[in-house]
Amino acid sequence: MNLKETIANRIVELTEAKGMNPSSLATFCGIDRSTVYSILGEKSKSPEVATIKKLCDGLDITLGEFFSTPAFDALEQEIK
């Protein structure tokens, strides 16, 4: 998996855990639904940290909690 897919999977995991769907998350966070769906789909290649921060705020978690998972730890280093 790449970074973009890992971010999308994490958002899905967290919204399901909170009993939300992407549309309700977007509304709750005050961002466009199209932004959330572009992150979850193929349109967004690299979501901005500011957008991820807004999603974290809506999910009531920190950025650290968002990224602190084995899936992110397992990503291959891009610069060698």
Protein backbone atom coordinates (compact mmCIF):
# COMPACT_ATOMS: atom_id res chain seq x y z
CA MET A 1 0.00 0.00 0.00
CA ASN A 2 1.12 3.55 -0.63
CA LEU A 3 0.71 6.64 1.57
CA LYS A 4 -2.46 7.85 -0.14
CA GLU A 5 -4.16 4.45 0.22
CA THR A 6 -3.06 4.22 3.85
CA ILE A 7 -4.56 7.64 4.61
CA ALA A 8 -7.82 6.70 2.88
CA ASN A 9 -8.03 3.39 4.73
CA ARG A 10 -7.38 5.12 8.06
CA ILE A 11 -10.19 7.62 7.43
CA VAL A 12 -12.60 4.79 6.60
CA GLU A 13 -11.51 2.86 9.70
CA LEU A 14 -12.02 5.86 11.97
CA THR A 15 -15.36 6.94 10.50
CA GLU A 16 -16.72 3.41 10.85
CA ALA A 17 -15.52 3.27 14.46
CA LYS A 18 -17.35 6.53 15.18
CA GLY A 19 -20.51 5.38 13.36
CA MET A 20 -20.09 8.01 10.66
CA ASN A 21 -19.89 7.97 6.90
CA PRO A 22 -17.63 10.17 4.75
CA SER A 23 -20.45 12.60 4.01
CA SER A 24 -21.35 13.14 7.65
CA LEU A 25 -17.67 13.51 8.54
CA ALA A 26 -17.26 16.23 5.93
CA THR A 27 -20.33 18.09 7.20
CA PHE A 28 -19.17 17.78 10.80
CA CYS A 29 -15.68 19.06 9.90
CA GLY A 30 -16.94 21.91 7.76
CA ILE A 31 -15.23 20.75 4.59
CA ASP A 32 -16.68 19.87 1.20
CA ARG A 33 -17.89 16.33 0.75
CA SER A 34 -16.04 16.27 -2.55
CA THR A 35 -12.78 16.80 -0.65
CA VAL A 36 -13.36 13.75 1.53
CA TYR A 37 -14.47 11.63 -1.40
CA SER A 38 -11.47 12.71 -3.47
CA ILE A 39 -9.16 11.57 -0.65
CA LEU A 40 -10.99 8.25 -0.43
CA GLY A 41 -11.04 7.81 -4.21
CA GLU A 42 -8.43 8.18 -6.91
CA LYS A 43 -8.71 11.94 -7.46
CA SER A 44 -6.52 13.20 -4.61
CA LYS A 45 -2.95 12.00 -4.92
CA SER A 46 -1.63 13.66 -1.77
CA PRO A 47 -4.07 15.12 0.79
CA GLU A 48 -2.85 18.23 2.58
CA VAL A 49 -1.94 17.96 6.24
CA ALA A 50 -4.30 20.86 6.98
CA THR A 51 -7.19 18.82 5.56
CA ILE A 52 -6.19 15.75 7.55
CA LYS A 53 -6.01 17.97 10.66
CA LYS A 54 -9.60 19.15 10.08
CA LEU A 55 -10.72 15.54 9.71
CA CYS A 56 -8.91 14.64 12.93
CA ASP A 57 -10.64 17.52 14.70
CA GLY A 58 -13.99 16.18 13.50
CA LEU A 59 -13.07 12.70 14.67
CA ASP A 60 -11.87 14.11 18.01
CA ILE A 61 -8.36 12.70 17.64
CA THR A 62 -4.90 14.21 17.28
CA LEU A 63 -2.71 14.02 14.21
CA GLY A 64 -0.44 11.77 16.24
CA GLU A 65 -3.30 9.35 16.88
CA PHE A 66 -4.20 9.41 13.19
CA PHE A 67 -0.71 8.47 12.06
CA SER A 68 0.23 6.22 14.98
CA THR A 69 -0.67 2.87 13.42
CA PRO A 70 1.26 -0.13 12.14
CA ALA A 71 0.04 0.65 8.61
CA PHE A 72 1.90 3.98 8.57
CA ASP A 73 4.94 2.44 10.25
CA ALA A 74 5.09 -0.21 7.51
CA LEU A 75 5.22 2.26 4.62
CA GLU A 76 8.37 1.97 2.59
CA GLN A 77 10.81 4.85 2.81
CA GLU A 78 10.49 6.97 -0.33
CA ILE A 79 13.91 8.60 -0.21
CA LYS A 80 16.84 6.21 -0.09
